């Protein structure tokens, strides 16, 4: 959380004018972060953000008045935490049960020619992103996957862990390139 000071970001359509702000938005997307503050605070700009990668971790986000002569407003929120360590549960798309025929039909309704002409990559993505994600939500069910006690990610297999150990040994000079 904090003041990230990117006044050029348009949060409604997820666009910006400057490269630094574009990298900031890309970082938010790459790390699956969700913006919890919705109200503009300073001169009707949304600069102070509370970001989380876990739904339900932050609640009761409120923008309060400013203190003394500052033009900053206070953001108040609650962080929910449990008393014991829970097994992490990951929700993932279940492509085996997906309805790809419906998915194709929904995507066929997008005016592709109009959407793809003219604009840059960011503009085109902002036009296509919402219909695509909506079709994905409707056609691809989610299933719960759980990692082993939160010690490793569900996608990290035993084979991948073994390869990472070999790479670490090679970097430390304890194994040859061939090994």
Protein backbone atom coordinates (compact mmCIF):
# COMPACT_ATOMS: atom_id res chain seq x y z
CA UNK A 1 0.00 0.00 0.00
CA UNK A 2 1.12 3.55 -0.50
CA UNK A 3 1.25 6.53 -2.79
CA UNK A 4 2.35 5.19 -6.16
CA UNK A 5 1.94 8.58 -7.89
CA UNK A 6 0.86 7.63 -11.40
CA UNK A 7 -1.73 10.36 -12.12
CA UNK A 8 -1.83 9.52 -15.85
CA UNK A 9 -3.32 6.04 -15.31
CA UNK A 10 -6.93 5.64 -16.39
CA UNK A 11 -8.13 2.85 -14.10
CA UNK A 12 -11.45 2.43 -15.96
CA UNK A 13 -9.87 1.28 -19.23
CA UNK A 14 -6.44 0.31 -17.84
CA UNK A 15 -4.44 2.70 -20.05
CA UNK A 16 -1.76 5.32 -19.53
CA UNK A 17 0.37 7.81 -21.46
CA UNK A 18 3.79 7.22 -19.93
CA UNK A 19 6.14 4.22 -20.07
CA UNK A 20 6.82 4.19 -16.31
CA UNK A 21 3.09 3.96 -15.59
CA UNK A 22 2.71 1.26 -18.27
CA UNK A 23 5.40 -0.79 -16.52
CA UNK A 24 3.59 -0.25 -13.21
CA UNK A 25 0.29 -1.54 -14.70
CA UNK A 26 2.14 -4.48 -16.27
CA UNK A 27 3.67 -5.32 -12.89
CA UNK A 28 0.22 -5.27 -11.28
CA UNK A 29 -1.11 -7.63 -13.99
CA UNK A 30 1.95 -9.93 -13.91
CA UNK A 31 1.60 -10.40 -10.15
CA UNK A 32 -2.20 -10.83 -10.24
CA UNK A 33 -2.72 -7.88 -7.92
CA UNK A 34 -6.15 -6.37 -7.27
CA UNK A 35 -6.71 -2.70 -6.50
CA UNK A 36 -8.80 -2.30 -3.36
CA UNK A 37 -9.24 1.51 -3.32
CA UNK A 38 -11.91 2.72 -5.74
CA UNK A 39 -12.43 6.34 -4.66
CA UNK A 40 -10.17 9.13 -5.96
CA UNK A 41 -8.39 10.94 -3.16
CA UNK A 42 -6.14 13.74 -4.26
CA UNK A 43 -7.49 16.30 -6.75
CA UNK A 44 -9.85 13.57 -8.03
CA UNK A 45 -6.91 11.27 -8.85
CA UNK A 46 -6.39 7.74 -7.57
CA UNK A 47 -2.76 7.81 -6.36
CA UNK A 48 -2.89 6.01 -3.01
CA UNK A 49 -3.41 2.30 -3.59
CA UNK A 50 -3.96 -0.80 -1.52
CA UNK A 51 -3.02 -3.85 -3.61
CA UNK A 52 -3.50 -7.51 -2.76
CA UNK A 53 -3.12 -10.82 -4.56
CA UNK A 54 -5.65 -12.59 -2.35
CA UNK A 55 -9.35 -11.88 -2.48
CA UNK A 56 -10.87 -11.50 0.98
CA UNK A 57 -7.61 -10.48 2.66
CA UNK A 58 -8.50 -6.76 2.71
CA UNK A 59 -11.93 -5.43 3.65
CA UNK A 60 -13.71 -2.28 4.82
CA UNK A 61 -11.62 0.06 2.65
CA UNK A 62 -12.69 3.63 3.41
CA UNK A 63 -11.29 6.98 2.28
CA UNK A 64 -11.35 9.37 5.22
CA UNK A 65 -10.80 13.14 5.37
CA UNK A 66 -7.37 14.74 5.34
CA UNK A 67 -5.36 15.70 8.38
CA UNK A 68 -4.45 19.36 9.06
CA UNK A 69 -3.26 21.28 5.99
CA UNK A 70 -2.33 18.25 3.86
CA UNK A 71 -4.03 17.60 0.52
CA UNK A 72 -3.71 13.85 1.21
CA UNK A 73 -6.65 11.85 2.44
CA UNK A 74 -6.39 8.89 4.77
CA UNK A 75 -7.19 5.37 3.63
CA UNK A 76 -8.45 3.02 6.30
CA UNK A 77 -8.80 -0.74 5.83
CA UNK A 78 -8.73 -4.03 7.71
CA UNK A 79 -6.34 -6.88 6.98
CA UNK A 80 -7.88 -10.24 7.79
CA UNK A 81 -5.58 -12.93 9.07
CA UNK A 82 -6.18 -16.27 10.70
CA UNK A 83 -4.54 -17.61 13.82
CA UNK A 84 -3.15 -20.75 12.21
CA UNK A 85 -1.40 -21.51 8.96
CA UNK A 86 -3.86 -22.92 6.50
CA UNK A 87 -3.11 -25.14 3.54
CA UNK A 88 -3.00 -22.84 0.54
CA UNK A 89 -5.77 -23.47 -1.95
CA UNK A 90 -5.38 -22.38 -5.52
CA UNK A 91 -8.24 -21.97 -7.95
CA UNK A 92 -7.29 -22.86 -11.51
CA UNK A 93 -9.10 -23.09 -14.84
CA UNK A 94 -10.28 -26.62 -15.61
CA UNK A 95 -9.82 -26.86 -19.38
CA UNK A 96 -10.94 -30.50 -19.47
CA UNK A 97 -14.50 -29.41 -18.60
CA UNK A 98 -14.46 -26.24 -20.74
CA UNK A 99 -17.22 -25.55 -23.27
CA UNK A 100 -15.05 -24.49 -26.22
CA UNK A 101 -18.00 -24.34 -28.65
CA UNK A 102 -19.68 -21.65 -26.53
CA UNK A 103 -16.31 -19.93 -26.08
CA UNK A 104 -15.87 -19.73 -29.88
CA UNK A 105 -19.42 -18.41 -30.32
CA UNK A 106 -18.90 -15.67 -27.74
CA UNK A 107 -15.58 -14.61 -29.28
CA UNK A 108 -17.14 -14.63 -32.75
CA UNK A 109 -19.37 -11.78 -31.56
CA UNK A 110 -16.37 -9.46 -31.06
CA UNK A 111 -15.93 -6.96 -33.94
CA UNK A 112 -12.34 -8.07 -34.61
CA UNK A 113 -11.69 -5.89 -37.69
CA UNK A 114 -12.83 -2.72 -35.96
CA UNK A 115 -11.01 -3.63 -32.74
CA UNK A 116 -7.70 -4.37 -34.44
CA UNK A 117 -7.45 -1.39 -36.76
CA UNK A 118 -5.70 1.77 -35.76
CA UNK A 119 -4.64 1.62 -32.12
CA UNK A 120 -1.52 0.36 -30.44
CA UNK A 121 -1.16 -2.86 -28.51
CA UNK A 122 -2.36 -1.39 -25.19
CA UNK A 123 -5.49 0.12 -26.76
CA UNK A 124 -6.33 -3.09 -28.64
CA UNK A 125 -5.79 -5.19 -25.50
CA UNK A 126 -8.02 -2.91 -23.44
CA UNK A 127 -10.82 -3.37 -26.03
CA UNK A 128 -10.48 -7.15 -26.24
CA UNK A 129 -9.60 -7.97 -22.64
CA UNK A 130 -13.02 -7.66 -21.02
CA UNK A 131 -15.03 -9.66 -23.63
CA UNK A 132 -12.33 -12.36 -23.67
CA UNK A 133 -12.19 -12.67 -19.87
CA UNK A 134 -16.01 -12.66 -19.69
CA UNK A 135 -16.16 -15.52 -22.22
CA UNK A 136 -13.50 -17.35 -20.22
CA UNK A 137 -15.50 -16.96 -17.00
CA UNK A 138 -18.65 -18.31 -18.68
CA UNK A 139 -17.08 -21.25 -20.52
CA UNK A 140 -14.14 -22.49 -18.46
CA UNK A 141 -15.06 -23.76 -14.99
CA UNK A 142 -12.70 -23.37 -12.05
CA UNK A 143 -11.45 -26.18 -9.87
CA UNK A 144 -9.66 -26.12 -6.54
CA UNK A 145 -6.09 -27.29 -6.39
CA UNK A 146 -4.14 -27.39 -3.21
CA UNK A 147 -0.43 -27.30 -2.69
CA UNK A 148 1.23 -29.38 -0.01
CA UNK A 149 0.83 -27.25 3.07
CA UNK A 150 1.81 -24.09 1.22
CA UNK A 151 5.43 -25.29 0.88
CA UNK A 152 5.48 -25.25 -2.92
CA UNK A 153 3.33 -24.10 -5.80
CA UNK A 154 0.87 -26.57 -7.29
CA UNK A 155 2.54 -26.28 -10.72
CA UNK A 156 6.00 -27.13 -9.36
CA UNK A 157 6.45 -30.86 -9.99
CA UNK A 158 9.09 -33.15 -8.48
CA UNK A 159 10.88 -33.24 -11.84
CA UNK A 160 11.07 -29.44 -11.98
CA UNK A 161 12.39 -29.30 -8.40
CA UNK A 162 15.11 -31.83 -9.30
CA UNK A 163 16.11 -29.74 -12.34
CA UNK A 164 16.29 -26.60 -10.20
CA UNK A 165 18.56 -28.41 -7.71
CA UNK A 166 20.85 -29.47 -10.58
CA UNK A 167 20.95 -25.89 -11.85
CA UNK A 168 21.85 -24.62 -8.38
CA UNK A 169 24.70 -27.14 -8.10
CA UNK A 170 26.00 -26.09 -11.52
CA UNK A 171 25.88 -22.39 -10.54
CA UNK A 172 27.84 -23.16 -7.38
CA UNK A 173 30.46 -25.02 -9.45
CA UNK A 174 29.62 -28.38 -7.88
CA UNK A 175 28.41 -29.94 -11.15
CA UNK A 176 29.50 -29.82 -14.79
CA UNK A 177 27.38 -28.39 -17.59
CA UNK A 178 26.70 -31.89 -18.97
CA UNK A 179 25.39 -33.07 -15.59
